[in-house]
Amino acid sequence: MKILAIRGRNLASLATEFCVDFQSEPLASAGLFAITGPTGAGKSTLLDALCVALYDATPRLLRAASRGETIPDVGEHSVGPADPRTLLRRGAGEGFAEVDFVGSDGVAYRARWTVRRARSKAEGRLQASELSLTRIDDGQVLSGNGKLETLKLIEGRIGLSFEQFTRAVLLAQNDFAAFLRASDDERAELLQTLTGTAAYAEISRQAYLRAKAEADALRLLQAQLADQVPLEADVRQAREAALAEQTARLDALTQQQAAVEAQLRWHQDLARLAARVAESQTQREQARQAREGAEARRIALARVEAVQPARPLCAELDRLNAEQVDTGKAVADKEAALATALRAAADCTTRHTTAELALAAAEQARNAAQPRLNQARALDAGIALVAPQHDAARLARDAAAQAHTQAQTTRQRVAGECEAACRARDEAARWLADHPGLRPLAEAWPRWETLLGQAAGQWRSQQALAAEQDEAARSEARLQGELDRAGQRLSTAVEAAAKALDTHTGLAGQCAAIDPDALAGQRKALQTHRDHLGRAAQLAGDQARLRASLHTQQQEESATRKAMAGHEATLAEGQGRLPLLARDADAAERALSIARLAASENVEALRQQLSPDSPCPVCGAIEHPYAAHDPQARAMLHGLEANLTQARQAHASLSQQIATAQAHVASGNAQLARLAQSLASLHTELEAATRDQSALLPELPELASLAPEAHPPWLQARLAEADAALVAIDQTETRQRALLAQRDLAQRTVEAARAAEAQVRADLNQHTLAHQQAVQTRQSLAQRLDDARRDLAQSLDGLDAAFPAGDDWRSRWQADPAAFARHTGAAAREWTTAQTRQQESERRLLALDAELLAATTALDAAAGQQATRQQEFDTHARTLTRMQAERADLFEGRPVAKVEAALNDAMAQAAEALRLCQGATQVAEAQRARQDEALGQARSRIAAVQAAAQDAARRLDDWLTDFNAAQGAALDLPQLRAALAHAPDWLSTERQALQALDTAVDTATAVLHNNEASLAAHQATVPGEEGVDALNARHTRLAAELAEAREAQTAIKLELARDDERRARSGSLQADLARQQARTDLWARLGELIGSADGKKFRNFAQQLTLDILLGYANRHLESLSRRYRLQRIADSLGLLVLDQDMGDELRSVHSLSGGESFLVSLALALGLASLSSHRVRVESLFIDEGFGSLDADSLRVAMEALDSLQAQGRKVGVISHVQEMTERIGTRVEVRRLAGGQSRVVVG
């Protein structure tokens, strides 16, 4: 890695742009160069520019104390003291730092850091800094997305982090001089800061804490093992015998309780079956009443079905009536549309006449305006010729006037500036004469400003250190209290862990007394037996129910077949008579038709035309017996009508009977089909129940020896016994689950207590370490406070020369250092400003005298030119005004083209309006003709619809007459419409509802018979003579005895389970103890090797290795600097010795070295750290900051020889120093020269 150039602008005192190019002469050929300049000139700013361009950070800013302090910026804004943007010079709007370097890959790059204020103004707020990286060869920008990515790219190209860069490229000698003189602990802290070995101290503390925690866990297991002592063998045998006795007693009591519960359930089932029979009787009676109450609905349904043939006649009549209304509305609409069309045609005719008149008037107006249009064209041509001349004269006049005004303004300005310059010169001279004491302060203000800032910083550091020392003392006291409280919490946690362990041990013994596998086996066996009993009881009940249902439905089937036989006979008889009645009705109707024909009006008219002795035109007979009157025909006609009516009624009555019989037959067939299906299903279910019962006989062999009617009570008794046993198992399992939950809770409590104890121990260790660190911090702060007070005193002594003798400036400074610095700086700047103002005023007066003479001459010439141009403009203006007035009288000054276009547009619009009126008239006439034709068609349609509606009404009346005659009823049209209001879906729904009422009666009857059979079967199985009250008393007594027996059994089981758990726990604890012993031994050895409460053991070990490596690098550099000395570490410590090879390898203390020798050793250590930090990267540029000010002549000579040998190794070395003797011996220098106004300039020479 090699630095090629450093550039920048507006960085601290370096206001102008500077460039330190190491590729140009004289720096290109110089291996050693000096960066020189007075204190505060800006030497270190060059290195700040180097660091900030590469890493956006600088070493001295990072060392700035923050502690909440801020630096005021513009307005109310402020920045932190470590913010690199504070490098931007005060009063500058933007600045930059730029570095060209060769990376570890051998490629040249350019890193640029820029900072600016808002709007690039000095009063703007500081903006975020920007960072970029560019490859120099091709100019490609390599910057990433954001500053962090760019920083990673730069660090990757250089091969060094910022910390490594500040150790390998920027060497601070003072740190390594302190490193030589420090104690072991101080050297460890410095080495940790320089090499980053803080992680080893944390590893040491963690190893110590882990070894302690494992030892605590081992002691806890040993204590637990001491509490696990099992029962003696004879005591355990006695408790097992007692358990067997209690188990036998419990089984006997359980069987007695199951028998009593079975008898109680029989009485409960008897009451339930009797209630079912009563409920079934009520339901059957309700079903019969509902069927009888629906008789009126049956009659209404038959009437609605009879009038269904009239539905199309009514629908047709309604449709024609509706169409008649719609057609009437259409006729009215057509009449209104015709009237509208007539009015529109008349309106179009009127508008057509008006449009013709408008066209004639427009043509006349255009012809009348033609002469005036010609006159206007001539005036427009004249004005166009004169207007450019007038404009040119106006522009010339305005230019002359402007030149005259500008000349006047210039002369007045120059005269005013002369007066202002005289006043400024006189005022500045008077102010300087009044303040002669400020001259020394102002002329060297940058130096005093630096010292004031340094003193203010030292004052703040002193105040902050004092506050930190007080805070450290309070923190030490607070940590001591926390340490005491942590010890108390540890004692409490140990007691809580012991109590939790005792609770868990007791609960674990109770859980062990209950065998979950045995309980599960008993439950499974009992549940299987109970399922078999339940299935058998269900099958017995199903068989009884199925037999009763089978008997009931067989009786119902027989009754239905008998009723169907009667209905089928009636149907066969009716179907045989119906054709005969139909033929009689047809014959009567034909006879009546013939009779009506004979008695019609036409026949009567022909009969009246007969004349005696003339042949009949119909039959040709000569005799005409009924020419005048035919009484037999009339009588016969009335008789035939009566015969037809009678025949139709007989036919309709028989049709109704046939329909009723058909409905009954269909209902009977459906009922028989349903019964047949139900009987088949019942037979199937009965056979399946019988097979299932046979399959259960191997599981329940007792059933084979019992009569079928004895099965239900026996099964109920056995079910009661199984239920009681299952309840007992449920109670045991419930208690076992509760005990397990309590044991698990106790286990979690033990684990939580152990974790709490471990946490408290860790907290105690942390509090101990924190208290020790607080003590060290307080002591360190006291030492730093003393150093800060000495530094402040030295800085204030250096400021005495800036103020007159006898001036009590220190009192004012101590009252408010910042205000004192601002006031002093303002006074110095005011003096400098006054001096500058005086000098500039004198130079300005000389230049203004010449300017005033030239301005007076120019003013006279401009006045003459203005008068001439004004006369020319007036002449042209009069001519143009006259012509414009004449043109304004014609058409109000409007352009001729627009006037002609307006006249032509008026004619075109009138012609277009006439054309549109002609078209509208034709359209209106056509519309009138169409509406007239549509009205005629609508009137024809309404006449046809009225005729059809009359015919439909007549046909509906005829149907009503025939229906009333056939049914013997008096049905009118409103009643007919009411009957037809029921939709076809209603007919189907009503028919199904009536059928459902019949089915409900049948179902209720069957259910009643089934329940009566079940009650009779249950009454036949009386279990005993004992009453319900006696059974309940007996059941209560047995329950109490069972509870007592179970409690005794549980107590014995719990005692045995606790003993089992203690036996198992002791074996498990032995294995856990062995494993924990192995872990404890392992961590004890590791803790003994590297562990310590304060982390020193492993940290010192790691730092000893790191120090050996560092000394190896340093000795190689020291060999080229001075062959006499070697550095060596004291065994098992961080102490350093110097091996003097000129004295026979004598070991010497580092404190015995002279100043020059210490410098050489420190320089070797610095170079060694550089090699350690950059062992992967070759660093060809090296900057050494200070370290030479306190050397004597001999030491300085030795240092120069060391630097010469260093550059001989191929490195370019830059030394930053203000020591004159040293800089004079270095031929090539980068000089930072101080200028006025707090500025400096970089000069390479």
Foldseek 3Di string as FASTA:
>chain_A
DEWAKKWKAQFFQAHHIDMDGCCDPPNVPDQEFAFFADPLLQSCVSVLLVLCLQAVFDVVLVVADFPPDWADAADRDTHTSRHSVVRRHQQWFKMKMKIWTQFLVRFIKMKMKIWGFVVRGNRGHTDDIDIWMAGPPVRHTPADDDDVSNSVVSCVRRVFDSLLCCLQFEFELVLLLCCQVDDQVVVLVSLCVNPVLVVLLVVQQVLQLVLVLLVVVLVVLVVLLVPLDFDDPVVLVVLVVVLVVLVVVLVVLLLVLLLLVLQLVLVVVLVVLVVLLVVLVVLLVVLVVVLVVCPVVVVLLVVLVVLVVCVVLVVVLVVLVVVLVVLVVVLVVLVVLLVVLVVLLVVLVVLLVVLVVLLVVLVVVLVVCVVLLVVLVVLVVVLVVLVVLLVVLVVLLVVLVVLLVVLVVLLVVLVVLLVVLVVLLVVLVVVCVVCVQLVLCLVPVSVLLVLLVVLVSLVVVLVVLVVVLVVLVVVLVVLVVVLVVLVVLLVVLVVLLVVLSVLLLLLLLLLQLDDVVVLVVVLVVLVVLLVLLVLLLVLLLLLLLLVLLLVLLVVVLVVLVVVLVVLVVLLVVLVVCLVVLVVQLVVLVVVLVVLCVCVDPVVLVQLCVQDAQAARPVPGDRDRPDSPHDVVSVVVNVVSVVSNLVSLQVNVVSVVSNVVSVVSNVLSVVSNVVSVVVSVVSVVSNVVSVVVNVVSCVVVVVVVVDDSLQSNSVSSSVSSSSVSVSVVSVVVVVVSVVSVVSSVVSVVSSVVSSVSSSVSVVVSLVSVLVSVVSVVSSVVSVVVSVVSVVVSVVSVVVCPVSHDPPDPLVVVCVVPSVVSSVVSVVSSVVSVVSVVSNVVSVVSSVVSVVSSVVSVVSSVVSVVSSVVSVVSSVVSVVVSVVSQVVSCVRPNNDNSVVVSVVSVVSSVVSVVSSVVSVVSSVVSVVSSVVSVVSSVVSVVVSVVSVVVSVVSVVVSVVVQVSVCSNVVHNDDDVNSVVSNVDDPVNSVVSVVVSSVSVVSSSVSVSSSSSSVSVSVSSVVNNPDDDDPVVSVVVSVVSVVVSVVSVVVSSVSSSSVSSSVCSVVVSVVSVVVSVVSVVVSVVSVVVSVQQHDSSSPRSSFVVSVVVVVQLQVQLQVLLCLLPVQWGWDADPPTRNIWIQGVVVVRDTHRSVPDDLLRSSSSSVSSSVSSSCVSPVVRDYQHHEYEDPPPPDDPVSLVSVVSSVVSVSVVRHNYYYHDNPVVNSVVRDWHFYWAADRPSHTHTDTD
